[in-house]
Amino acid sequence: MKISQTDILLIPGYGDTLPGHWLMRWRDKMPTAREVKQDDVHNPSKDAWMTNLLAEIEASSRPVVLVAHSLGCILVAHGAESLKGKIAGAYLVAPSDWDREGLIDGFDGGDFVPIPKNPLPFPAHVVGSRNDPYCDHQRSQEMAKDWGAHFQDAGDAGHITLESGHGPWPEGMMSFAGFLSKLDG
């Protein structure tokens, strides 16, 4: 599958996704990509976020590929069954471990916990870092296994954000291109 054959929905995670973050760069670089905007990124509601994601999927005219970061990955796992048949694949980067108590001061994971362990009903690829402060490396591997996803070790890449030095993230773009090439068109 090629970028031009898909609607790529970019799903940010908890908090503000700043200009220069690889997700926003991908949005600006890929003509068929658009961000799934959420109402409250500092006090998220799974149901409200899912409503916004489903609206973007319904507005799509081509096969949908999801690209999610952090809490966005957990949203995809929660919505997997309702997304069945609508998604060509999901590229999930640096899932955050909301089952871990005290992950973020002021937000306990809300209705995003517990994190689902069911296999995703579409092809998926999880990219995890060895030193992600929001998810232990072993835990990100477990999530990938639970979800039936291929796991990619990103090395010492932090949470794969601007703060960890991942603005452009060319390695991610190459990996995503490889993932897309394996999807049926």
Protein backbone atom coordinates (compact mmCIF):
# COMPACT_ATOMS: atom_id res chain seq x y z
CA MET A 1 0.00 0.00 0.00
CA LYS A 2 1.22 3.51 -0.77
CA ILE A 3 0.62 6.73 1.14
CA SER A 4 -1.49 8.06 -1.75
CA GLN A 5 -3.82 5.05 -1.43
CA THR A 6 -4.65 5.66 2.23
CA ASP A 7 -6.15 8.12 4.66
CA ILE A 8 -3.57 8.34 7.42
CA LEU A 9 -5.04 9.38 10.74
CA LEU A 10 -2.51 10.71 13.23
CA ILE A 11 -3.55 10.19 16.86
CA PRO A 12 -1.53 12.17 19.42
CA GLY A 13 -1.35 11.18 23.06
CA TYR A 14 -1.77 12.88 26.40
CA GLY A 15 -0.87 16.58 26.57
CA ASP A 16 0.10 19.06 23.90
CA THR A 17 1.72 17.85 20.70
CA LEU A 18 4.00 20.72 19.81
CA PRO A 19 4.93 21.96 16.33
CA GLY A 20 8.04 20.10 15.23
CA HIS A 21 6.95 16.80 16.84
CA TRP A 22 7.34 14.00 14.30
CA LEU A 23 3.54 13.48 14.20
CA MET A 24 2.98 17.10 13.13
CA ARG A 25 5.83 16.88 10.63
CA TRP A 26 4.26 13.74 9.14
CA ARG A 27 0.91 15.54 8.96
CA ASP A 28 2.55 18.38 7.02
CA LYS A 29 4.63 16.06 4.81
CA MET A 30 2.07 13.43 3.79
CA PRO A 31 -0.80 14.78 1.67
CA THR A 32 -3.28 12.12 2.84
CA ALA A 33 -2.49 12.49 6.55
CA ARG A 34 -4.53 14.44 9.07
CA GLU A 35 -4.52 14.82 12.81
CA VAL A 36 -7.34 13.48 14.93
CA LYS A 37 -8.00 16.48 17.17
CA GLN A 38 -9.15 15.79 20.69
CA ASP A 39 -11.18 18.04 22.96
CA ASP A 40 -9.21 17.86 26.20
CA VAL A 41 -5.66 16.56 25.95
CA HIS A 42 -4.90 17.15 29.67
CA ASN A 43 -8.00 15.42 31.05
CA PRO A 44 -8.87 12.91 28.34
CA SER A 45 -12.01 10.83 28.13
CA LYS A 46 -11.82 7.56 26.26
CA ASP A 47 -15.39 7.88 24.98
CA ALA A 48 -14.93 11.47 23.76
CA TRP A 49 -11.61 10.62 22.10
CA MET A 50 -13.16 7.54 20.45
CA THR A 51 -16.08 9.62 19.14
CA ASN A 52 -13.61 11.98 17.46
CA LEU A 53 -11.58 9.10 16.01
CA LEU A 54 -14.69 7.38 14.63
CA ALA A 55 -15.84 10.65 13.03
CA GLU A 56 -12.49 10.95 11.23
CA ILE A 57 -12.71 7.34 10.09
CA GLU A 58 -16.22 7.89 8.76
CA ALA A 59 -15.00 10.98 6.86
CA SER A 60 -12.32 8.91 5.13
CA SER A 61 -12.69 7.85 1.51
CA ARG A 62 -9.69 5.50 1.29
CA PRO A 63 -8.45 2.63 3.46
CA VAL A 64 -7.50 4.04 6.87
CA VAL A 65 -4.09 3.61 8.46
CA LEU A 66 -3.76 4.77 12.05
CA VAL A 67 -0.54 6.28 13.37
CA ALA A 68 -0.75 6.71 17.13
CA HIS A 69 1.60 7.96 19.82
CA SER A 70 1.53 7.26 23.56
CA LEU A 71 -2.05 7.41 24.91
CA GLY A 72 -3.24 7.38 21.29
CA CYS A 73 -1.97 3.78 21.10
CA ILE A 74 -4.07 2.84 24.10
CA LEU A 75 -7.12 4.47 22.48
CA VAL A 76 -6.62 2.27 19.41
CA ALA A 77 -6.41 -0.85 21.61
CA HIS A 78 -9.62 0.13 23.43
CA GLY A 79 -11.48 0.76 20.18
CA ALA A 80 -10.16 -2.21 18.25
CA GLU A 81 -13.44 -4.11 18.02
CA SER A 82 -15.44 -1.04 16.95
CA LEU A 83 -12.72 -0.27 14.37
CA LYS A 84 -12.77 -3.80 12.93
CA GLY A 85 -13.21 -3.77 9.17
CA LYS A 86 -12.53 -0.03 8.95
CA ILE A 87 -8.77 -0.04 9.51
CA ALA A 88 -6.09 -1.31 7.11
CA GLY A 89 -3.39 -1.15 9.79
CA ALA A 90 -2.08 0.62 12.88
CA TYR A 91 1.43 1.94 13.49
CA LEU A 92 1.72 2.44 17.26
CA VAL A 93 4.63 4.44 18.66
CA ALA A 94 5.75 4.54 22.30
CA PRO A 95 2.58 3.26 23.99
CA SER A 96 2.33 4.65 27.52
CA ASP A 97 1.70 2.33 30.44
CA TRP A 98 -1.36 3.81 32.14
CA ASP A 99 -1.70 0.66 34.25
CA ARG A 100 1.42 1.91 36.10
CA GLU A 101 0.31 3.92 39.12
CA GLY A 102 1.42 7.57 39.17
CA LEU A 103 2.45 7.69 35.51
CA ILE A 104 1.45 11.38 35.21
CA ASP A 105 0.84 13.77 38.10
CA GLY A 106 -2.80 14.87 38.08
CA PHE A 107 -4.13 12.14 35.74
CA ASP A 108 -4.50 8.51 36.75
CA GLY A 109 -5.39 7.11 33.35
CA GLY A 110 -9.13 7.62 33.82
CA ASP A 111 -11.25 5.31 31.69
CA PHE A 112 -8.22 4.28 29.60
CA VAL A 113 -7.28 1.73 32.29
CA PRO A 114 -6.93 -1.14 32.35
CA ILE A 115 -5.08 -1.40 29.04
CA PRO A 116 -6.74 -4.00 26.78
CA LYS A 117 -4.88 -7.24 26.12
CA ASN A 118 -7.00 -8.48 23.22
CA PRO A 119 -5.40 -9.00 19.80
CA LEU A 120 -6.09 -6.18 17.36
CA PRO A 121 -8.27 -7.24 14.39
CA PHE A 122 -5.94 -5.53 11.87
CA PRO A 123 -2.20 -5.56 11.18
CA ALA A 124 -0.25 -3.57 13.75
CA HIS A 125 3.32 -2.51 14.42
CA VAL A 126 4.52 -1.28 17.85
CA VAL A 127 7.67 0.81 18.22
CA GLY A 128 9.05 0.80 21.77
CA SER A 129 12.06 2.43 23.37
CA ARG A 130 14.47 0.91 25.87
CA ASN A 131 14.44 4.02 28.06
CA ASP A 132 10.91 5.37 27.70
CA PRO A 133 10.00 7.05 31.01
CA TYR A 134 6.29 6.31 30.37
CA CYS A 135 6.62 2.61 29.57
CA ASP A 136 9.23 0.03 30.48
CA HIS A 137 10.74 -1.71 27.47
CA GLN A 138 9.49 -5.13 28.57
CA ARG A 139 5.98 -3.73 29.06
CA SER A 140 5.88 -2.29 25.52
CA GLN A 141 6.94 -5.71 24.22
CA GLU A 142 4.14 -7.33 26.24
CA MET A 143 1.60 -4.89 24.78
CA ALA A 144 2.77 -5.72 21.26
CA LYS A 145 2.49 -9.44 22.00
CA ASP A 146 -0.98 -9.06 23.56
CA TRP A 147 -2.16 -7.03 20.57
CA GLY A 148 -0.70 -9.48 18.02
CA ALA A 149 1.54 -6.73 16.69
CA HIS A 150 5.06 -6.81 15.33
CA PHE A 151 7.48 -5.19 17.83
CA GLN A 152 10.29 -2.87 16.80
CA ASP A 153 13.02 -2.00 19.30
CA ALA A 154 13.84 1.72 18.87
CA GLY A 155 16.87 1.53 21.17
CA ASP A 156 17.42 4.35 23.65
CA ALA A 157 14.88 6.75 22.13
CA GLY A 158 13.06 8.04 25.22
CA HIS A 159 9.36 8.64 24.62
CA ILE A 160 10.04 9.44 20.94
CA THR A 161 9.13 13.12 21.24
CA LEU A 162 10.79 16.48 20.72
CA GLU A 163 12.22 16.22 24.24
CA SER A 164 14.00 12.98 23.32
CA GLY A 165 15.34 14.50 20.08
CA HIS A 166 12.69 13.14 17.72
CA GLY A 167 11.45 16.02 15.63
CA PRO A 168 11.94 14.76 12.08
CA TRP A 169 12.52 11.09 13.13
CA PRO A 170 13.62 9.79 9.69
CA GLU A 171 14.06 6.25 11.07
CA GLY A 172 10.39 6.26 11.98
CA MET A 173 9.37 7.38 8.50
CA MET A 174 11.41 4.56 6.95
CA SER A 175 9.90 2.06 9.36
CA PHE A 176 6.39 3.35 8.63
CA ALA A 177 7.02 3.06 4.88
CA GLY A 178 8.06 -0.56 5.41
CA PHE A 179 4.91 -1.22 7.42
CA LEU A 180 2.72 0.35 4.72
CA SER A 181 4.39 -1.73 2.00
CA LYS A 182 3.21 -4.91 3.75
CA LEU A 183 -0.45 -3.88 3.90
CA ASP A 184 -2.90 -5.07 1.30
CA GLY A 185 -4.05 -2.27 -1.02
